[in-house]
């Protein structure tokens, strides 16, 4: 249980750092909104935020 939690938090930290380096503060805020929506079980909001993040990252590439 502890291993799973620490692995998930490490992955979140790595994803946050990568997105912040590509999109700045806006990307970090979108990632935070995505995590909050998933934890609150708002799947429609999580899907829209993930879609916007994907579009922004694809536009940067």
Protein backbone atom coordinates (compact mmCIF):
# COMPACT_ATOMS: atom_id res chain seq x y z
CA UNK A 1 0.00 0.00 0.00
CA UNK A 2 2.76 2.41 0.94
CA UNK A 3 4.75 1.45 -2.15
CA UNK A 4 1.75 2.11 -4.42
CA UNK A 5 1.11 5.53 -2.82
CA UNK A 6 4.74 6.60 -3.02
CA UNK A 7 5.01 5.41 -6.63
CA UNK A 8 1.86 7.37 -7.57
CA UNK A 9 3.16 10.53 -5.89
CA UNK A 10 6.53 10.17 -7.62
CA UNK A 11 4.78 9.82 -10.96
CA UNK A 12 2.65 12.89 -10.21
CA UNK A 13 5.77 14.87 -9.32
CA UNK A 14 7.52 13.81 -12.54
CA UNK A 15 4.46 14.61 -14.65
CA UNK A 16 4.07 17.99 -12.96
CA UNK A 17 7.70 18.88 -13.57
CA UNK A 18 7.54 17.81 -17.23
CA UNK A 19 4.32 19.69 -17.92
CA UNK A 20 5.52 22.79 -16.09
CA UNK A 21 8.70 22.86 -18.17
CA UNK A 22 6.63 22.63 -21.40
CA UNK A 23 3.58 24.78 -20.59
CA UNK A 24 4.55 26.84 -17.57
CA UNK A 25 2.18 27.68 -14.75
CA UNK A 26 -0.95 27.14 -16.88
CA UNK A 27 0.01 23.51 -17.51
CA UNK A 28 0.68 22.96 -13.83
CA UNK A 29 -2.73 24.40 -12.93
CA UNK A 30 -4.41 22.17 -15.52
CA UNK A 31 -2.60 19.12 -14.14
CA UNK A 32 -3.74 20.03 -10.63
CA UNK A 33 -7.33 20.43 -11.88
CA UNK A 34 -7.12 17.04 -13.59
CA UNK A 35 -5.91 15.35 -10.39
CA UNK A 36 -8.60 17.07 -8.32
CA UNK A 37 -11.32 16.07 -10.79
CA UNK A 38 -10.21 12.44 -10.80
CA UNK A 39 -10.11 12.28 -7.00
CA UNK A 40 -13.56 13.90 -6.74
CA UNK A 41 -14.95 11.44 -9.34
CA UNK A 42 -15.90 14.17 -11.80
CA UNK A 43 -15.10 12.12 -14.87
CA UNK A 44 -16.51 14.58 -17.41
CA UNK A 45 -14.35 17.41 -16.01
CA UNK A 46 -11.31 15.13 -15.93
CA UNK A 47 -11.88 14.14 -19.55
CA UNK A 48 -12.16 17.76 -20.70
CA UNK A 49 -9.05 18.84 -18.78
CA UNK A 50 -7.09 15.89 -20.18
CA UNK A 51 -8.27 16.83 -23.67
CA UNK A 52 -7.16 20.45 -23.23
CA UNK A 53 -3.80 19.33 -21.84
CA UNK A 54 -3.32 17.00 -24.81
CA UNK A 55 -4.15 19.76 -27.30
CA UNK A 56 -1.78 22.23 -25.59
CA UNK A 57 1.05 19.70 -25.48
CA UNK A 58 0.46 18.72 -29.12
CA UNK A 59 0.54 22.38 -30.14
CA UNK A 60 3.88 22.82 -28.37
CA UNK A 61 5.49 19.87 -30.19
